[in-house]
C-alpha atoms as a PDB file:
ATOM      1  CA  UNK A   1      97.398 170.053 113.599  1.00  0.00           C
ATOM      2  CA  UNK A   2      99.781 172.678 114.581  1.00  0.00           C
ATOM      3  CA  UNK A   3      98.757 174.720 117.329  1.00  0.00           C
ATOM      4  CA  UNK A   4      98.975 178.368 117.499  1.00  0.00           C
ATOM      5  CA  UNK A   5     101.677 179.558 119.854  1.00  0.00           C
ATOM      6  CA  UNK A   6     101.597 183.251 120.220  1.00  0.00           C
ATOM      7  CA  UNK A   7     105.211 183.124 122.339  1.00  0.00           C
ATOM      8  CA  UNK A   8     107.478 180.762 120.772  1.00  0.00           C
ATOM      9  CA  UNK A   9     109.069 177.758 122.598  1.00  0.00           C
ATOM     10  CA  UNK A  10     112.312 178.433 125.079  1.00  0.00           C
ATOM     11  CA  UNK A  11     111.850 181.911 124.644  1.00  0.00           C
ATOM     12  CA  UNK A  12     114.749 183.609 126.797  1.00  0.00           C
ATOM     13  CA  UNK A  13     114.047 187.369 126.914  1.00  0.00           C
ATOM     14  CA  UNK A  14     116.481 188.959 129.679  1.00  0.00           C
ATOM     15  CA  UNK A  15     113.315 191.307 131.308  1.00  0.00           C
ATOM     16  CA  UNK A  16     115.492 192.050 134.051  1.00  0.00           C
ATOM     17  CA  UNK A  17     118.165 193.948 131.985  1.00  0.00           C
ATOM     18  CA  UNK A  18     115.309 196.524 130.942  1.00  0.00           C
ATOM     19  CA  UNK A  19     114.532 197.348 134.543  1.00  0.00           C
ATOM     20  CA  UNK A  20     115.994 200.713 134.950  1.00  0.00           C
ATOM     21  CA  UNK A  21     114.248 201.750 132.131  1.00  0.00           C
ATOM     22  CA  UNK A  22     110.848 200.194 133.404  1.00  0.00           C
ATOM     23  CA  UNK A  23     111.312 202.031 136.577  1.00  0.00           C
ATOM     24  CA  UNK A  24     111.886 205.219 134.906  1.00  0.00           C
ATOM     25  CA  UNK A  25     109.215 204.816 132.416  1.00  0.00           C
ATOM     26  CA  UNK A  26     106.507 203.486 135.506  1.00  0.00           C
ATOM     27  CA  UNK A  27     107.751 207.057 137.873  1.00  0.00           C
ATOM     28  CA  UNK A  28     107.391 209.288 134.436  1.00  0.00           C
ATOM     29  CA  UNK A  29     103.833 207.984 133.782  1.00  0.00           C
ATOM     30  CA  UNK A  30     102.903 207.965 137.203  1.00  0.00           C
ATOM     31  CA  UNK A  31     104.281 211.648 137.743  1.00  0.00           C
ATOM     32  CA  UNK A  32     102.415 212.749 134.193  1.00  0.00           C
ATOM     33  CA  UNK A  33      98.802 210.801 135.710  1.00  0.00           C
ATOM     34  CA  UNK A  34      98.879 212.377 138.903  1.00  0.00           C
ATOM     35  CA  UNK A  35      99.533 215.907 136.808  1.00  0.00           C
ATOM     36  CA  UNK A  36      96.756 215.275 134.760  1.00  0.00           C
ATOM     37  CA  UNK A  37      94.316 214.768 137.255  1.00  0.00           C
ATOM     38  CA  UNK A  38      95.435 217.419 139.088  1.00  0.00           C
ATOM     39  CA  UNK A  39      95.360 220.087 136.097  1.00  0.00           C
ATOM     40  CA  UNK A  40      92.157 218.705 133.990  1.00  0.00           C
ATOM     41  CA  UNK A  41      90.170 216.755 137.134  1.00  0.00           C
ATOM     42  CA  UNK A  42      87.976 213.623 136.722  1.00  0.00           C
ATOM     43  CA  UNK A  43      84.714 214.630 134.925  1.00  0.00           C
ATOM     44  CA  UNK A  44      82.265 213.089 137.678  1.00  0.00           C
ATOM     45  CA  UNK A  45      79.173 211.706 136.837  1.00  0.00           C
ATOM     46  CA  UNK A  46      75.833 212.003 138.700  1.00  0.00           C
ATOM     47  CA  UNK A  47      76.910 209.364 141.231  1.00  0.00           C
ATOM     48  CA  UNK A  48      79.184 211.232 142.717  1.00  0.00           C
ATOM     49  CA  UNK A  49      78.398 214.828 142.092  1.00  0.00           C
ATOM     50  CA  UNK A  50      74.365 214.408 142.514  1.00  0.00           C
ATOM     51  CA  UNK A  51      72.320 216.231 140.625  1.00  0.00           C
ATOM     52  CA  UNK A  52      70.255 214.967 137.295  1.00  0.00           C
ATOM     53  CA  UNK A  53      71.385 214.174 134.032  1.00  0.00           C
ATOM     54  CA  UNK A  54      69.583 214.176 130.820  1.00  0.00           C
ATOM     55  CA  UNK A  55      70.630 212.357 128.288  1.00  0.00           C
ATOM     56  CA  UNK A  56      69.233 213.903 124.588  1.00  0.00           C
ATOM     57  CA  UNK A  57      69.975 212.393 121.021  1.00  0.00           C
ATOM     58  CA  UNK A  58      69.222 215.296 118.135  1.00  0.00           C
ATOM     59  CA  UNK A  59      68.808 214.578 114.481  1.00  0.00           C
ATOM     60  CA  UNK A  60      71.922 217.017 113.368  1.00  0.00           C
ATOM     61  CA  UNK A  61      74.651 217.675 115.609  1.00  0.00           C
ATOM     62  CA  UNK A  62      73.644 220.875 117.552  1.00  0.00           C
ATOM     63  CA  UNK A  63      75.907 223.802 119.248  1.00  0.00           C
ATOM     64  CA  UNK A  64      76.383 223.157 122.690  1.00  0.00           C
ATOM     65  CA  UNK A  65      75.689 226.801 123.756  1.00  0.00           C
ATOM     66  CA  UNK A  66      72.649 226.478 121.777  1.00  0.00           C
ATOM     67  CA  UNK A  67      71.567 223.765 124.041  1.00  0.00           C
ATOM     68  CA  UNK A  68      72.593 225.471 127.392  1.00  0.00           C
ATOM     69  CA  UNK A  69      70.905 228.825 126.182  1.00  0.00           C
ATOM     70  CA  UNK A  70      67.595 226.576 125.774  1.00  0.00           C
ATOM     71  CA  UNK A  71      67.816 225.291 128.891  1.00  0.00           C
ATOM     72  CA  UNK A  72      68.816 228.167 131.051  1.00  0.00           C
ATOM     73  CA  UNK A  73      65.561 229.450 130.153  1.00  0.00           C
ATOM     74  CA  UNK A  74      63.616 227.361 131.812  1.00  0.00           C
ATOM     75  CA  UNK A  75      64.546 228.307 135.090  1.00  0.00           C
ATOM     76  CA  UNK A  76      66.104 224.940 136.247  1.00  0.00           C
ATOM     77  CA  UNK A  77      69.670 225.981 137.225  1.00  0.00           C
ATOM     78  CA  UNK A  78      73.043 225.981 135.582  1.00  0.00           C
ATOM     79  CA  UNK A  79      73.313 223.278 133.290  1.00  0.00           C
ATOM     80  CA  UNK A  80      76.751 221.170 132.127  1.00  0.00           C
ATOM     81  CA  UNK A  81      76.705 220.314 128.158  1.00  0.00           C
ATOM     82  CA  UNK A  82      79.025 217.342 127.148  1.00  0.00           C
ATOM     83  CA  UNK A  83      78.914 215.404 124.191  1.00  0.00           C
ATOM     84  CA  UNK A  84      78.438 211.307 124.841  1.00  0.00           C
ATOM     85  CA  UNK A  85      79.236 208.919 122.281  1.00  0.00           C
ATOM     86  CA  UNK A  86      78.605 210.788 119.171  1.00  0.00           C
ATOM     87  CA  UNK A  87      78.385 214.405 117.888  1.00  0.00           C
ATOM     88  CA  UNK A  88      74.545 213.993 117.999  1.00  0.00           C
ATOM     89  CA  UNK A  89      74.107 212.923 121.472  1.00  0.00           C
ATOM     90  CA  UNK A  90      74.369 215.434 124.407  1.00  0.00           C
ATOM     91  CA  UNK A  91      74.642 215.097 128.280  1.00  0.00           C
ATOM     92  CA  UNK A  92      72.784 217.382 130.257  1.00  0.00           C
ATOM     93  CA  UNK A  93      73.776 218.282 133.689  1.00  0.00           C
ATOM     94  CA  UNK A  94      71.534 220.194 135.997  1.00  0.00           C
ATOM     95  CA  UNK A  95      71.806 220.817 139.696  1.00  0.00           C
ATOM     96  CA  UNK A  96      69.889 219.201 142.328  1.00  0.00           C
ATOM     97  CA  UNK A  97      66.215 220.189 142.245  1.00  0.00           C
ATOM     98  CA  UNK A  98      64.253 221.647 145.033  1.00  0.00           C
ATOM     99  CA  UNK A  99      61.785 218.871 146.301  1.00  0.00           C
ATOM    100  CA  UNK A 100      64.071 216.277 144.687  1.00  0.00           C
ATOM    101  CA  UNK A 101      61.117 213.997 144.400  1.00  0.00           C
ATOM    102  CA  UNK A 102      60.271 211.498 141.844  1.00  0.00           C
ATOM    103  CA  UNK A 103      57.493 213.515 140.888  1.00  0.00           C
ATOM    104  CA  UNK A 104      59.442 217.331 140.712  1.00  0.00           C
ATOM    105  CA  UNK A 105      62.327 215.323 138.928  1.00  0.00           C
ATOM    106  CA  UNK A 106      59.812 213.927 135.940  1.00  0.00           C
ATOM    107  CA  UNK A 107      58.614 217.236 135.544  1.00  0.00           C
ATOM    108  CA  UNK A 108      61.904 218.968 135.171  1.00  0.00           C
ATOM    109  CA  UNK A 109      63.137 216.454 132.751  1.00  0.00           C
ATOM    110  CA  UNK A 110      59.376 216.844 130.781  1.00  0.00           C
ATOM    111  CA  UNK A 111      60.100 220.979 130.639  1.00  0.00           C
ATOM    112  CA  UNK A 112      63.882 220.133 129.257  1.00  0.00           C
ATOM    113  CA  UNK A 113      62.600 217.520 126.852  1.00  0.00           C
ATOM    114  CA  UNK A 114      59.500 219.498 125.113  1.00  0.00           C
ATOM    115  CA  UNK A 115      61.854 222.813 125.003  1.00  0.00           C
ATOM    116  CA  UNK A 116      64.443 220.726 122.989  1.00  0.00           C
ATOM    117  CA  UNK A 117      62.021 219.215 120.934  1.00  0.00           C
ATOM    118  CA  UNK A 118      60.405 222.858 120.007  1.00  0.00           C
ATOM    119  CA  UNK A 119      64.422 224.634 119.645  1.00  0.00           C
ATOM    120  CA  UNK A 120      65.642 221.473 117.905  1.00  0.00           C
ATOM    121  CA  UNK A 121      63.161 219.466 115.482  1.00  0.00           C
ATOM    122  CA  UNK A 122      63.540 215.879 115.695  1.00  0.00           C
ATOM    123  CA  UNK A 123      65.411 215.867 119.557  1.00  0.00           C
ATOM    124  CA  UNK A 124      64.502 212.697 121.292  1.00  0.00           C
ATOM    125  CA  UNK A 125      64.667 211.989 124.711  1.00  0.00           C
ATOM    126  CA  UNK A 126      66.942 209.281 125.792  1.00  0.00           C
ATOM    127  CA  UNK A 127      67.164 208.729 129.543  1.00  0.00           C
ATOM    128  CA  UNK A 128      67.900 210.443 132.653  1.00  0.00           C
ATOM    129  CA  UNK A 129      69.165 209.714 136.020  1.00  0.00           C
ATOM    130  CA  UNK A 130      69.312 211.503 139.475  1.00  0.00           C
ATOM    131  CA  UNK A 131      71.446 211.136 142.712  1.00  0.00           C
ATOM    132  CA  UNK A 132      70.521 213.550 145.822  1.00  0.00           C
ATOM    133  CA  UNK A 133      73.395 215.185 147.555  1.00  0.00           C
ATOM    134  CA  UNK A 134      73.720 213.165 150.692  1.00  0.00           C
ATOM    135  CA  UNK A 135      73.568 209.715 148.313  1.00  0.00           C
ATOM    136  CA  UNK A 136      76.265 210.620 146.234  1.00  0.00           C
ATOM    137  CA  UNK A 137      78.727 211.701 149.195  1.00  0.00           C
ATOM    138  CA  UNK A 138      77.862 208.457 150.398  1.00  0.00           C
ATOM    139  CA  UNK A 139      78.536 206.367 147.124  1.00  0.00           C
ATOM    140  CA  UNK A 140      81.962 208.396 146.801  1.00  0.00           C
ATOM    141  CA  UNK A 141      82.841 207.290 150.133  1.00  0.00           C
ATOM    142  CA  UNK A 142      81.974 203.794 149.835  1.00  0.00           C
ATOM    143  CA  UNK A 143      83.994 203.605 146.217  1.00  0.00           C
ATOM    144  CA  UNK A 144      87.231 204.910 147.518  1.00  0.00           C
ATOM    145  CA  UNK A 145      86.705 202.586 150.436  1.00  0.00           C
ATOM    146  CA  UNK A 146      86.196 200.091 148.360  1.00  0.00           C
ATOM    147  CA  UNK A 147      89.344 200.534 146.003  1.00  0.00           C
ATOM    148  CA  UNK A 148      91.103 201.190 149.126  1.00  0.00           C
ATOM    149  CA  UNK A 149      90.685 197.711 151.113  1.00  0.00           C
ATOM    150  CA  UNK A 150      90.873 195.823 147.727  1.00  0.00           C
ATOM    151  CA  UNK A 151      94.366 197.316 147.311  1.00  0.00           C
ATOM    152  CA  UNK A 152      95.162 196.796 151.056  1.00  0.00           C
ATOM    153  CA  UNK A 153      93.779 193.205 151.115  1.00  0.00           C
ATOM    154  CA  UNK A 154      95.482 192.082 148.281  1.00  0.00           C
ATOM    155  CA  UNK A 155      98.743 193.346 149.576  1.00  0.00           C
ATOM    156  CA  UNK A 156      98.224 191.649 152.814  1.00  0.00           C
ATOM    157  CA  UNK A 157      97.344 188.549 151.252  1.00  0.00           C
ATOM    158  CA  UNK A 158     100.839 188.449 149.224  1.00  0.00           C
ATOM    159  CA  UNK A 159     102.654 189.408 152.093  1.00  0.00           C
ATOM    160  CA  UNK A 160     101.109 186.176 154.289  1.00  0.00           C
ATOM    161  CA  UNK A 161     101.334 183.646 151.422  1.00  0.00           C
ATOM    162  CA  UNK A 162     104.792 184.622 149.978  1.00  0.00           C
ATOM    163  CA  UNK A 163     107.096 187.165 151.725  1.00  0.00           C
ATOM    164  CA  UNK A 164     106.989 191.143 152.271  1.00  0.00           C
ATOM    165  CA  UNK A 165     109.060 192.165 149.234  1.00  0.00           C
ATOM    166  CA  UNK A 166     106.110 190.147 147.198  1.00  0.00           C
ATOM    167  CA  UNK A 167     103.445 192.199 149.076  1.00  0.00           C
ATOM    168  CA  UNK A 168     105.152 195.851 148.338  1.00  0.00           C
ATOM    169  CA  UNK A 169     106.117 194.664 144.641  1.00  0.00           C
ATOM    170  CA  UNK A 170     102.392 193.975 144.431  1.00  0.00           C
ATOM    171  CA  UNK A 171     100.702 197.200 145.865  1.00  0.00           C
ATOM    172  CA  UNK A 172     103.163 199.263 143.759  1.00  0.00           C
ATOM    173  CA  UNK A 173     101.998 197.490 140.801  1.00  0.00           C
ATOM    174  CA  UNK A 174      98.471 198.081 141.645  1.00  0.00           C
ATOM    175  CA  UNK A 175      98.714 201.544 142.135  1.00  0.00           C
ATOM    176  CA  UNK A 176     100.876 201.955 139.396  1.00  0.00           C
ATOM    177  CA  UNK A 177      97.904 200.584 137.035  1.00  0.00           C
ATOM    178  CA  UNK A 178      94.820 202.732 138.932  1.00  0.00           C
ATOM    179  CA  UNK A 179      97.107 205.772 138.401  1.00  0.00           C
ATOM    180  CA  UNK A 180      97.479 205.186 134.957  1.00  0.00           C
ATOM    181  CA  UNK A 181      93.684 204.688 134.403  1.00  0.00           C
ATOM    182  CA  UNK A 182      93.029 207.988 136.491  1.00  0.00           C
ATOM    183  CA  UNK A 183      95.351 209.624 134.195  1.00  0.00           C
ATOM    184  CA  UNK A 184      93.758 208.415 131.013  1.00  0.00           C
ATOM    185  CA  UNK A 185      90.231 209.614 132.485  1.00  0.00           C
ATOM    186  CA  UNK A 186      91.542 212.731 133.009  1.00  0.00           C
ATOM    187  CA  UNK A 187      92.620 213.303 129.143  1.00  0.00           C
ATOM    188  CA  UNK A 188      90.086 211.899 127.581  1.00  0.00           C
ATOM    189  CA  UNK A 189      87.303 213.402 129.920  1.00  0.00           C
ATOM    190  CA  UNK A 190      85.001 210.199 129.895  1.00  0.00           C
ATOM    191  CA  UNK A 191      82.312 210.138 132.629  1.00  0.00           C
ATOM    192  CA  UNK A 192      83.799 208.776 136.315  1.00  0.00           C
ATOM    193  CA  UNK A 193      81.064 206.964 137.972  1.00  0.00           C
ATOM    194  CA  UNK A 194      79.831 203.836 139.637  1.00  0.00           C
ATOM    195  CA  UNK A 195      80.792 201.116 136.205  1.00  0.00           C
ATOM    196  CA  UNK A 196      84.209 202.748 136.535  1.00  0.00           C
ATOM    197  CA  UNK A 197      84.749 201.957 139.900  1.00  0.00           C
ATOM    198  CA  UNK A 198      83.682 198.538 139.079  1.00  0.00           C
ATOM    199  CA  UNK A 199      86.294 198.568 136.590  1.00  0.00           C
ATOM    200  CA  UNK A 200      88.521 199.660 138.976  1.00  0.00           C
ATOM    201  CA  UNK A 201      88.118 197.073 141.161  1.00  0.00           C
ATOM    202  CA  UNK A 202      88.568 194.718 137.838  1.00  0.00           C
ATOM    203  CA  UNK A 203      91.262 195.498 136.915  1.00  0.00           C
ATOM    204  CA  UNK A 204      93.018 195.312 140.367  1.00  0.00           C
ATOM    205  CA  UNK A 205      91.509 191.952 140.322  1.00  0.00           C
ATOM    206  CA  UNK A 206      92.887 190.696 136.808  1.00  0.00           C
ATOM    207  CA  UNK A 207      96.090 192.470 137.990  1.00  0.00           C
ATOM    208  CA  UNK A 208      96.978 190.483 140.961  1.00  0.00           C
ATOM    209  CA  UNK A 209      95.415 187.085 139.138  1.00  0.00           C
ATOM    210  CA  UNK A 210      98.605 187.567 136.415  1.00  0.00           C
ATOM    211  CA  UNK A 211     101.290 188.493 139.154  1.00  0.00           C
ATOM    212  CA  UNK A 212     100.419 185.597 141.385  1.00  0.00           C
ATOM    213  CA  UNK A 213     101.369 183.252 138.969  1.00  0.00           C
ATOM    214  CA  UNK A 214     104.475 185.051 138.205  1.00  0.00           C
ATOM    215  CA  UNK A 215     105.217 185.264 141.978  1.00  0.00           C
ATOM    216  CA  UNK A 216     104.095 181.629 142.416  1.00  0.00           C
ATOM    217  CA  UNK A 217     106.634 180.423 139.794  1.00  0.00           C
ATOM    218  CA  UNK A 218     109.249 182.920 141.152  1.00  0.00           C
ATOM    219  CA  UNK A 219     109.043 181.333 144.641  1.00  0.00           C
ATOM    220  CA  UNK A 220     109.169 177.694 143.250  1.00  0.00           C
ATOM    221  CA  UNK A 221     112.328 178.364 140.979  1.00  0.00           C
ATOM    222  CA  UNK A 222     113.857 179.857 144.397  1.00  0.00           C
ATOM    223  CA  UNK A 223     113.672 176.678 145.865  1.00  0.00           C
ATOM    224  CA  UNK A 224     114.461 174.809 143.204  1.00  0.00           C
ATOM    225  CA  UNK A 225     117.432 176.657 141.882  1.00  0.00           C
ATOM    226  CA  UNK A 226     119.024 177.251 145.045  1.00  0.00           C
ATOM    227  CA  UNK A 227     122.749 178.413 143.854  1.00  0.00           C
ATOM    228  CA  UNK A 228     120.885 180.740 140.724  1.00  0.00           C
ATOM    229  CA  UNK A 229     121.387 184.668 140.966  1.00  0.00           C
ATOM    230  CA  UNK A 230     118.409 186.144 141.649  1.00  0.00           C
ATOM    231  CA  UNK A 231     118.143 187.629 138.600  1.00  0.00           C
ATOM    232  CA  UNK A 232     118.012 184.759 136.790  1.00  0.00           C
ATOM    233  CA  UNK A 233     115.565 183.391 138.323  1.00  0.00           C
ATOM    234  CA  UNK A 234     112.834 185.952 137.776  1.00  0.00           C
ATOM    235  CA  UNK A 235     114.097 186.299 134.514  1.00  0.00           C
ATOM    236  CA  UNK A 236     113.493 182.223 133.854  1.00  0.00           C
ATOM    237  CA  UNK A 237     109.946 182.260 135.832  1.00  0.00           C
ATOM    238  CA  UNK A 238     108.553 185.569 133.640  1.00  0.00           C
ATOM    239  CA  UNK A 239     109.586 183.561 130.732  1.00  0.00           C
ATOM    240  CA  UNK A 240     107.871 180.061 131.738  1.00  0.00           C
ATOM    241  CA  UNK A 241     104.734 181.956 132.343  1.00  0.00           C
ATOM    242  CA  UNK A 242     104.771 184.185 129.331  1.00  0.00           C
ATOM    243  CA  UNK A 243     102.754 182.109 127.131  1.00  0.00           C
ATOM    244  CA  UNK A 244     100.275 182.067 129.705  1.00  0.00           C
ATOM    245  CA  UNK A 245     100.132 185.854 130.514  1.00  0.00           C
ATOM    246  CA  UNK A 246     100.128 186.954 127.096  1.00  0.00           C
ATOM    247  CA  UNK A 247      97.433 184.402 125.488  1.00  0.00           C
ATOM    248  CA  UNK A 248      95.498 185.499 128.488  1.00  0.00           C
ATOM    249  CA  UNK A 249      95.596 189.172 127.789  1.00  0.00           C
ATOM    250  CA  UNK A 250      95.322 188.551 124.163  1.00  0.00           C
ATOM    251  CA  UNK A 251      91.783 186.863 124.550  1.00  0.00           C
ATOM    252  CA  UNK A 252      90.470 189.491 126.975  1.00  0.00           C
ATOM    253  CA  UNK A 253      91.845 192.446 124.864  1.00  0.00           C
ATOM    254  CA  UNK A 254      89.846 190.651 121.830  1.00  0.00           C
ATOM    255  CA  UNK A 255      86.454 190.644 123.870  1.00  0.00           C
ATOM    256  CA  UNK A 256      86.915 194.128 124.993  1.00  0.00           C
ATOM    257  CA  UNK A 257      87.870 195.510 121.692  1.00  0.00           C
ATOM    258  CA  UNK A 258      84.312 193.690 120.711  1.00  0.00           C
ATOM    259  CA  UNK A 259      82.827 195.409 123.502  1.00  0.00           C
ATOM    260  CA  UNK A 260      84.563 199.164 122.914  1.00  0.00           C
ATOM    261  CA  UNK A 261      83.431 198.824 119.383  1.00  0.00           C
ATOM    262  CA  UNK A 262      79.795 197.664 119.406  1.00  0.00           C
ATOM    263  CA  UNK A 263      78.822 198.215 123.063  1.00  0.00           C
ATOM    264  CA  UNK A 264      77.670 202.205 122.501  1.00  0.00           C
ATOM    265  CA  UNK A 265      78.735 204.785 124.544  1.00  0.00           C
ATOM    266  CA  UNK A 266      76.798 203.929 127.644  1.00  0.00           C
ATOM    267  CA  UNK A 267      79.624 201.183 128.529  1.00  0.00           C
ATOM    268  CA  UNK A 268      82.318 203.063 126.799  1.00  0.00           C
ATOM    269  CA  UNK A 269      83.812 204.401 129.306  1.00  0.00           C
ATOM    270  CA  UNK A 270      83.780 201.069 131.431  1.00  0.00           C
ATOM    271  CA  UNK A 271      85.816 199.459 128.438  1.00  0.00           C
ATOM    272  CA  UNK A 272      88.134 201.593 128.170  1.00  0.00           C
ATOM    273  CA  UNK A 273      88.812 201.435 131.613  1.00  0.00           C
ATOM    274  CA  UNK A 274      89.264 197.721 131.553  1.00  0.00           C
ATOM    275  CA  UNK A 275      91.123 197.701 128.155  1.00  0.00           C
ATOM    276  CA  UNK A 276      93.864 200.112 129.313  1.00  0.00           C
ATOM    277  CA  UNK A 277      93.851 198.294 132.617  1.00  0.00           C
ATOM    278  CA  UNK A 278      94.838 194.995 130.942  1.00  0.00           C
ATOM    279  CA  UNK A 279      97.409 196.648 129.066  1.00  0.00           C
ATOM    280  CA  UNK A 280      99.048 198.245 131.949  1.00  0.00           C
ATOM    281  CA  UNK A 281      98.409 195.102 134.325  1.00  0.00           C
ATOM    282  CA  UNK A 282     100.590 193.065 131.981  1.00  0.00           C
ATOM    283  CA  UNK A 283     102.972 195.427 131.727  1.00  0.00           C
ATOM    284  CA  UNK A 284     103.510 195.927 135.370  1.00  0.00           C
ATOM    285  CA  UNK A 285     103.489 192.541 136.299  1.00  0.00           C
ATOM    286  CA  UNK A 286     106.131 191.523 133.993  1.00  0.00           C
ATOM    287  CA  UNK A 287     108.425 194.495 134.008  1.00  0.00           C
ATOM    288  CA  UNK A 288     107.656 196.535 137.139  1.00  0.00           C
ATOM    289  CA  UNK A 289     106.910 193.814 140.191  1.00  0.00           C
ATOM    290  CA  UNK A 290     108.926 191.375 139.498  1.00  0.00           C
ATOM    291  CA  UNK A 291     112.194 193.181 138.882  1.00  0.00           C
ATOM    292  CA  UNK A 292     111.264 195.380 141.889  1.00  0.00           C
ATOM    293  CA  UNK A 293     111.817 192.015 143.963  1.00  0.00           C
ATOM    294  CA  UNK A 294     115.654 192.541 143.318  1.00  0.00           C
ATOM    295  CA  UNK A 295     115.864 196.295 144.284  1.00  0.00           C
ATOM    296  CA  UNK A 296     113.533 195.133 147.497  1.00  0.00           C
ATOM    297  CA  UNK A 297     116.566 192.466 148.404  1.00  0.00           C
ATOM    298  CA  UNK A 298     114.845 189.201 147.931  1.00  0.00           C
ATOM    299  CA  UNK A 299     117.108 186.298 147.605  1.00  0.00           C
ATOM    300  CA  UNK A 300     116.648 182.709 146.981  1.00  0.00           C
ATOM    301  CA  UNK A 301     116.550 180.151 150.077  1.00  0.00           C
ATOM    302  CA  UNK A 302     120.128 178.722 151.205  1.00  0.00           C
ATOM    303  CA  UNK A 303     120.526 175.278 150.009  1.00  0.00           C
ATOM    304  CA  UNK A 304     120.077 173.362 153.197  1.00  0.00           C
ATOM    305  CA  UNK A 305     120.046 169.281 151.211  1.00  0.00           C
ATOM    306  CA  UNK A 306     121.909 166.637 152.863  1.00  0.00           C
ATOM    307  CA  UNK A 307     125.453 165.484 151.617  1.00  0.00           C
ATOM    308  CA  UNK A 308     125.297 163.361 148.120  1.00  0.00           C
ATOM    309  CA  UNK A 309     122.072 164.697 147.187  1.00  0.00           C
ATOM    310  CA  UNK A 310     122.206 166.584 144.076  1.00  0.00           C
ATOM    311  CA  UNK A 311     120.834 170.339 142.825  1.00  0.00           C
ATOM    312  CA  UNK A 312     119.588 171.142 139.701  1.00  0.00           C
ATOM    313  CA  UNK A 313     121.013 174.099 138.538  1.00  0.00           C
ATOM    314  CA  UNK A 314     120.110 176.264 135.202  1.00  0.00           C
ATOM    315  CA  UNK A 315     122.185 178.268 133.062  1.00  0.00           C
ATOM    316  CA  UNK A 316     120.526 180.155 130.367  1.00  0.00           C
ATOM    317  CA  UNK A 317     118.214 177.495 128.923  1.00  0.00           C
ATOM    318  CA  UNK A 318     119.819 174.412 129.582  1.00  0.00           C
ATOM    319  CA  UNK A 319     119.376 172.365 132.898  1.00  0.00           C
ATOM    320  CA  UNK A 320     122.396 170.262 133.784  1.00  0.00           C
ATOM    321  CA  UNK A 321     122.399 168.123 137.361  1.00  0.00           C
ATOM    322  CA  UNK A 322     125.443 168.495 139.424  1.00  0.00           C
ATOM    323  CA  UNK A 323     126.602 166.430 142.373  1.00  0.00           C
ATOM    324  CA  UNK A 324     127.556 167.720 145.549  1.00  0.00           C
ATOM    325  CA  UNK A 325     131.069 168.206 146.486  1.00  0.00           C
ATOM    326  CA  UNK A 326     132.018 165.935 149.047  1.00  0.00           C
END
């Protein structure tokens, strides 16, 4: 039976030749993502802002203004209304309630549910969540620290495992991936909660896994082909690992696509973040991180073999063995 090969054998793509365009595209997208976050901001969930979030399903798509008016009449605070998942499902966010105990929260939830059921026949309560102000600040701080220390730890690992150039390129690639994801959330308005922090950490883990495989092959080829130009070594290494990189990314994307379509709106933000992170992580590992090693001055190790030994040299896709000059 013939095996399915997404990437043909003996693929020899000159990735380094496009590094100028890749760097320009990466810089432009990063600036755009930062601008989107600064301009639109992020739709922070109850986990990070505190308060009460009630999810309500309606028989027909209601007007957001009509729902807001119905809730404001109850005197439970100013309501923020947002559609989630489908036009008939709304998220109603209320400020932290006085007394903020479970009994007070349940009373507010029942009051809102009863009012919406009377105003919009067929409306049904779905779920609610509440987080106090102190807890939300703590979650925000710990979530940010988790992402920061993950990036820092991975960068230090790459420096210890390889060389400092690998550490710098790793951190640049991961920051690029996170900026793209943040820009996506600022553009789409998806809610950012603890699930999205988990998605960020998962994206970092996938990105570093993909990059370490390529970096390890680059270091291996630097020792094997000591006379080869660094551009050729990087192109060779990326092409050698390309089938593994593409196959891994495609299989993960297939699983995420099924989860994105069938997983419901509760997991939609998490799945969308993962889907985008896999795509940009694969791009940054191939085009940004690897090519950045040349800009950072990485060079192959000098040849210290004894006279009379043989060196392997590779030109393009062919290999030959040449004896040293006496």
